[in-house]
Amino acid sequence: MDLYYHPLSNTDLMLLSSLGSVTPILWSHGMVDRTVLFEVGQAGPPFLEKHGISCDFKAYPGLDHSLSNEELRHLESWIKARLQSSS
């Protein structure tokens, strides 16, 4: 049984699997998020990887269900690294 609810059908997962091999995904999650518990967010990337979708995960200590400057800086560098490697 999955630890969390995922509203994806088998068709959705097949489509995502084909795109996931060429589309990088960054999954960020605050460790003190009380809206979407950290354990639930942390379970997402392994679920995607089980279906052939590559996913980078980054946890943020002290962050709740919001954004931080640290997260935005990491996102920026993550995007730039992927753009450089694709050119």
Protein backbone atom coordinates (compact mmCIF):
# COMPACT_ATOMS: atom_id res chain seq x y z
CA MET A 1 0.00 0.00 0.00
CA ASP A 2 1.29 3.46 -0.90
CA LEU A 3 2.08 5.84 1.93
CA TYR A 4 0.31 8.64 0.12
CA TYR A 5 -2.42 9.38 -2.41
CA HIS A 6 -1.35 9.79 -6.02
CA PRO A 7 -4.02 10.73 -8.57
CA LEU A 8 -2.24 9.10 -11.52
CA SER A 9 -3.70 6.41 -13.71
CA ASN A 10 -1.56 3.71 -15.32
CA THR A 11 -1.81 5.65 -18.61
CA ASP A 12 -0.52 8.79 -16.86
CA LEU A 13 2.39 6.83 -15.40
CA MET A 14 3.28 5.36 -18.81
CA LEU A 15 3.31 8.84 -20.37
CA LEU A 16 5.31 10.28 -17.48
CA SER A 17 7.78 7.39 -17.70
CA SER A 18 8.48 8.16 -21.35
CA LEU A 19 8.91 11.87 -20.61
CA GLY A 20 10.77 11.29 -17.34
CA SER A 21 13.75 9.83 -19.12
CA VAL A 22 14.33 13.14 -20.95
CA THR A 23 12.76 15.70 -18.62
CA PRO A 24 14.64 16.34 -15.38
CA ILE A 25 12.55 16.69 -12.23
CA LEU A 26 13.55 18.42 -9.00
CA TRP A 27 11.40 17.61 -5.97
CA SER A 28 11.93 19.97 -3.04
CA HIS A 29 10.28 19.64 0.34
CA GLY A 30 10.39 21.47 3.65
CA MET A 31 11.16 19.24 6.60
CA VAL A 32 8.67 20.96 8.93
CA ASP A 33 5.84 21.11 6.38
CA ARG A 34 2.59 20.42 8.25
CA THR A 35 0.38 20.75 5.14
CA VAL A 36 2.09 17.93 3.23
CA LEU A 37 4.05 15.94 5.79
CA PHE A 38 7.75 15.53 5.03
CA GLU A 39 7.45 11.73 5.02
CA VAL A 40 4.78 11.95 2.34
CA GLY A 41 6.87 14.31 0.21
CA GLN A 42 9.94 12.16 0.72
CA ALA A 43 8.03 9.11 -0.58
CA GLY A 44 7.29 10.83 -3.92
CA PRO A 45 10.65 10.49 -5.68
CA PRO A 46 11.02 6.74 -4.98
CA PHE A 47 7.48 6.26 -6.33
CA LEU A 48 8.41 8.10 -9.53
CA GLU A 49 11.72 6.24 -9.84
CA LYS A 50 9.87 2.93 -9.44
CA HIS A 51 8.03 3.92 -12.61
CA GLY A 52 11.18 4.89 -14.53
CA ILE A 53 11.06 8.62 -13.84
CA SER A 54 14.34 10.15 -12.69
CA CYS A 55 13.92 12.63 -9.87
CA ASP A 56 16.33 14.68 -7.74
CA PHE A 57 15.17 15.28 -4.16
CA LYS A 58 16.23 18.16 -1.93
CA ALA A 59 15.08 18.55 1.67
CA TYR A 60 15.08 21.88 3.51
CA PRO A 61 15.44 21.80 7.31
CA GLY A 62 13.27 24.39 9.04
CA LEU A 63 11.14 25.05 5.95
CA ASP A 64 7.38 24.61 6.12
CA HIS A 65 4.90 24.61 3.21
CA SER A 66 6.51 27.60 1.50
CA LEU A 67 9.54 28.75 -0.49
CA SER A 68 12.83 30.05 0.82
CA ASN A 69 15.66 32.00 -0.77
CA GLU A 70 17.90 28.95 -0.28
CA GLU A 71 15.44 26.79 -2.20
CA LEU A 72 15.17 29.33 -5.02
CA ARG A 73 18.98 29.59 -5.29
CA HIS A 74 19.23 25.81 -5.47
CA LEU A 75 16.50 25.68 -8.12
CA GLU A 76 18.33 28.31 -10.17
CA SER A 77 21.63 26.43 -10.05
CA TRP A 78 19.86 23.11 -10.75
CA ILE A 79 18.21 24.58 -13.89
CA LYS A 80 21.45 26.22 -15.07
CA ALA A 81 23.36 22.93 -14.68
CA ARG A 82 20.78 21.10 -16.80
CA LEU A 83 20.76 23.80 -19.46
CA GLN A 84 24.57 23.69 -19.68
CA SER A 85 24.65 19.91 -19.95
CA SER A 86 22.03 19.93 -22.72
CA SER A 87 23.85 22.42 -24.97
